[in-house]
Amino acid sequence: DVHTFNALITAAPEVKEKYNEKWELIVDLLKQMAEQKVKPNLLTLNTVLKTLRRCGTLGKSQAFPVISEMKALSV
């Protein structure tokens, strides 16, 4: 469910060391959500943004695309 995915996204920075690896894991989790038809919620958006904060300049470059995508999904 969405809460499980949110917890996995929260744990992503702890599992991987490099910023791009962390981001790839988050993207993979979001793709799995879509495949399983699990709709992200506001907590998902906040979780992804908080995780991106820990990804240096990569996080800054991905924040607006994430917001745009969540907005397109009516989050």
N, C-alpha and C. Protein backbone atom coordinates (compact mmCIF):
# COMPACT_ATOMS: atom_id res chain seq x y z
N ASP A 1 0.83 -1.19 0.00
CA ASP A 1 0.00 0.00 0.00
C ASP A 1 0.88 1.26 0.00
N VAL A 2 0.25 2.41 -0.05
CA VAL A 2 0.98 3.67 -0.17
C VAL A 2 1.88 3.92 1.04
N HIS A 3 1.46 3.50 2.21
CA HIS A 3 2.26 3.72 3.42
C HIS A 3 3.55 2.91 3.39
N THR A 4 3.48 1.71 2.85
CA THR A 4 4.68 0.88 2.72
C THR A 4 5.67 1.52 1.77
N PHE A 5 5.16 2.00 0.62
CA PHE A 5 6.05 2.67 -0.33
C PHE A 5 6.65 3.93 0.27
N ASN A 6 5.88 4.68 1.02
CA ASN A 6 6.41 5.89 1.65
C ASN A 6 7.55 5.54 2.62
N ALA A 7 7.38 4.46 3.36
CA ALA A 7 8.43 4.02 4.28
C ALA A 7 9.69 3.60 3.52
N LEU A 8 9.51 2.91 2.39
CA LEU A 8 10.66 2.50 1.59
C LEU A 8 11.38 3.71 1.00
N ILE A 9 10.62 4.71 0.57
CA ILE A 9 11.23 5.93 0.03
C ILE A 9 12.01 6.65 1.12
N THR A 10 11.48 6.66 2.32
CA THR A 10 12.17 7.28 3.45
C THR A 10 13.50 6.57 3.73
N ALA A 11 13.52 5.27 3.55
CA ALA A 11 14.73 4.49 3.84
C ALA A 11 15.76 4.54 2.71
N ALA A 12 15.38 5.00 1.54
CA ALA A 12 16.27 5.00 0.36
C ALA A 12 17.64 5.65 0.62
N PRO A 13 17.70 6.81 1.28
CA PRO A 13 19.01 7.42 1.50
C PRO A 13 19.93 6.59 2.40
N GLU A 14 19.36 5.77 3.24
CA GLU A 14 20.16 4.96 4.15
C GLU A 14 20.75 3.74 3.46
N VAL A 15 20.12 3.30 2.38
CA VAL A 15 20.51 2.08 1.70
C VAL A 15 21.63 2.33 0.69
N LYS A 16 21.58 3.46 0.01
CA LYS A 16 22.56 3.77 -1.03
C LYS A 16 23.46 4.90 -0.57
N GLU A 17 24.67 4.95 -1.15
CA GLU A 17 25.63 5.98 -0.74
C GLU A 17 25.65 7.17 -1.68
N LYS A 18 25.69 6.92 -2.99
CA LYS A 18 25.80 8.01 -3.95
C LYS A 18 24.44 8.63 -4.23
N TYR A 19 24.46 9.94 -4.49
CA TYR A 19 23.22 10.66 -4.73
C TYR A 19 22.42 10.07 -5.89
N ASN A 20 23.11 9.75 -6.99
CA ASN A 20 22.38 9.23 -8.15
C ASN A 20 21.80 7.84 -7.85
N GLU A 21 22.46 7.05 -7.03
CA GLU A 21 21.93 5.75 -6.65
C GLU A 21 20.67 5.91 -5.79
N LYS A 22 20.70 6.88 -4.89
CA LYS A 22 19.54 7.15 -4.05
C LYS A 22 18.35 7.55 -4.93
N TRP A 23 18.61 8.44 -5.89
CA TRP A 23 17.55 8.92 -6.75
C TRP A 23 17.01 7.79 -7.63
N GLU A 24 17.90 6.95 -8.16
CA GLU A 24 17.46 5.82 -8.99
C GLU A 24 16.57 4.87 -8.20
N LEU A 25 16.89 4.66 -6.92
CA LEU A 25 16.06 3.80 -6.08
C LEU A 25 14.69 4.42 -5.86
N ILE A 26 14.64 5.72 -5.64
CA ILE A 26 13.36 6.40 -5.46
C ILE A 26 12.52 6.29 -6.73
N VAL A 27 13.14 6.55 -7.87
CA VAL A 27 12.43 6.45 -9.15
C VAL A 27 11.90 5.03 -9.35
N ASP A 28 12.72 4.04 -9.02
CA ASP A 28 12.28 2.66 -9.15
C ASP A 28 11.08 2.37 -8.26
N LEU A 29 11.10 2.88 -7.05
CA LEU A 29 9.96 2.68 -6.14
C LEU A 29 8.71 3.36 -6.68
N LEU A 30 8.86 4.57 -7.24
CA LEU A 30 7.71 5.27 -7.80
C LEU A 30 7.17 4.53 -9.03
N LYS A 31 8.04 3.94 -9.83
CA LYS A 31 7.59 3.15 -10.97
C LYS A 31 6.84 1.90 -10.50
N GLN A 32 7.34 1.28 -9.44
CA GLN A 32 6.65 0.12 -8.90
C GLN A 32 5.27 0.49 -8.37
N MET A 33 5.16 1.68 -7.78
CA MET A 33 3.85 2.16 -7.33
C MET A 33 2.90 2.24 -8.51
N ALA A 34 3.36 2.82 -9.61
CA ALA A 34 2.53 2.97 -10.80
C ALA A 34 2.13 1.61 -11.37
N GLU A 35 3.08 0.68 -11.43
CA GLU A 35 2.79 -0.66 -11.95
C GLU A 35 1.75 -1.38 -11.10
N GLN A 36 1.81 -1.16 -9.80
CA GLN A 36 0.87 -1.83 -8.89
C GLN A 36 -0.39 -1.01 -8.67
N LYS A 37 -0.51 0.09 -9.40
CA LYS A 37 -1.68 0.99 -9.33
C LYS A 37 -1.91 1.52 -7.92
N VAL A 38 -0.80 1.83 -7.23
CA VAL A 38 -0.87 2.46 -5.91
C VAL A 38 -0.73 3.95 -6.13
N LYS A 39 -1.77 4.71 -5.80
CA LYS A 39 -1.77 6.15 -6.04
C LYS A 39 -0.97 6.87 -4.96
N PRO A 40 0.01 7.69 -5.36
CA PRO A 40 0.75 8.46 -4.36
C PRO A 40 -0.15 9.49 -3.69
N ASN A 41 0.19 9.84 -2.47
CA ASN A 41 -0.57 10.86 -1.76
C ASN A 41 0.35 12.01 -1.37
N LEU A 42 -0.17 12.95 -0.62
CA LEU A 42 0.62 14.10 -0.21
C LEU A 42 1.83 13.68 0.62
N LEU A 43 1.67 12.67 1.42
CA LEU A 43 2.80 12.16 2.21
C LEU A 43 3.90 11.61 1.30
N THR A 44 3.51 10.99 0.19
CA THR A 44 4.49 10.50 -0.78
C THR A 44 5.30 11.67 -1.34
N LEU A 45 4.60 12.72 -1.74
CA LEU A 45 5.29 13.91 -2.26
C LEU A 45 6.25 14.47 -1.23
N ASN A 46 5.80 14.65 -0.02
CA ASN A 46 6.65 15.20 1.04
C ASN A 46 7.84 14.28 1.33
N THR A 47 7.60 12.98 1.31
CA THR A 47 8.67 12.02 1.56
C THR A 47 9.74 12.09 0.47
N VAL A 48 9.31 12.16 -0.78
CA VAL A 48 10.26 12.25 -1.89
C VAL A 48 11.06 13.55 -1.78
N LEU A 49 10.39 14.66 -1.48
CA LEU A 49 11.08 15.94 -1.37
C LEU A 49 12.07 15.95 -0.20
N LYS A 50 11.68 15.36 0.92
CA LYS A 50 12.60 15.29 2.07
C LYS A 50 13.81 14.43 1.74
N THR A 51 13.58 13.36 0.99
CA THR A 51 14.69 12.50 0.60
C THR A 51 15.60 13.22 -0.38
N LEU A 52 15.02 13.98 -1.30
CA LEU A 52 15.82 14.74 -2.26
C LEU A 52 16.70 15.78 -1.58
N ARG A 53 16.24 16.28 -0.44
CA ARG A 53 17.05 17.24 0.31
C ARG A 53 18.41 16.65 0.67
N ARG A 54 18.46 15.34 0.79
CA ARG A 54 19.69 14.66 1.18
C ARG A 54 20.52 14.21 -0.03
N CYS A 55 20.16 14.72 -1.22
CA CYS A 55 20.85 14.30 -2.45
C CYS A 55 21.61 15.44 -3.10
N GLY A 56 21.99 16.45 -2.36
CA GLY A 56 22.81 17.54 -2.88
C GLY A 56 22.21 18.24 -4.09
N THR A 57 23.05 18.56 -5.06
CA THR A 57 22.58 19.30 -6.24
C THR A 57 21.64 18.47 -7.10
N LEU A 58 21.81 17.16 -7.08
CA LEU A 58 20.88 16.30 -7.83
C LEU A 58 19.47 16.48 -7.30
N GLY A 59 19.33 16.56 -5.99
CA GLY A 59 18.02 16.76 -5.38
C GLY A 59 17.39 18.06 -5.80
N LYS A 60 18.20 19.11 -5.86
CA LYS A 60 17.68 20.41 -6.27
C LYS A 60 17.18 20.37 -7.71
N SER A 61 17.89 19.66 -8.56
CA SER A 61 17.50 19.61 -9.97
C SER A 61 16.27 18.76 -10.20
N GLN A 62 15.96 17.84 -9.30
CA GLN A 62 14.82 16.94 -9.48
C GLN A 62 13.56 17.38 -8.74
N ALA A 63 13.68 18.37 -7.87
CA ALA A 63 12.53 18.77 -7.04
C ALA A 63 11.36 19.28 -7.88
N PHE A 64 11.62 20.19 -8.81
CA PHE A 64 10.52 20.74 -9.60
C PHE A 64 9.87 19.71 -10.52
N PRO A 65 10.65 18.83 -11.18
CA PRO A 65 9.99 17.78 -11.96
C PRO A 65 9.11 16.86 -11.11
N VAL A 66 9.55 16.58 -9.89
CA VAL A 66 8.74 15.75 -8.98
C VAL A 66 7.43 16.46 -8.66
N ILE A 67 7.52 17.73 -8.33
CA ILE A 67 6.31 18.50 -8.01
C ILE A 67 5.37 18.53 -9.21
N SER A 68 5.92 18.73 -10.40
CA SER A 68 5.09 18.77 -11.61
C SER A 68 4.40 17.43 -11.86
N GLU A 69 5.13 16.36 -11.67
CA GLU A 69 4.56 15.03 -11.88
C GLU A 69 3.46 14.73 -10.86
N MET A 70 3.70 15.08 -9.62
CA MET A 70 2.67 14.86 -8.58
C MET A 70 1.45 15.73 -8.84
N LYS A 71 1.67 16.94 -9.33
CA LYS A 71 0.55 17.81 -9.66
C LYS A 71 -0.28 17.20 -10.80
N ALA A 72 0.40 16.60 -11.77
CA ALA A 72 -0.29 15.93 -12.87
C ALA A 72 -1.12 14.74 -12.37
N LEU A 73 -0.66 14.14 -11.27
CA LEU A 73 -1.40 13.01 -10.68
C LEU A 73 -2.44 13.47 -9.67
N SER A 74 -2.67 14.77 -9.58
CA SER A 74 -3.67 15.37 -8.67
C SER A 74 -3.31 15.18 -7.20
N VAL A 75 -2.02 15.23 -6.90
CA VAL A 75 -1.60 15.13 -5.49
C VAL A 75 -1.42 16.54 -4.97
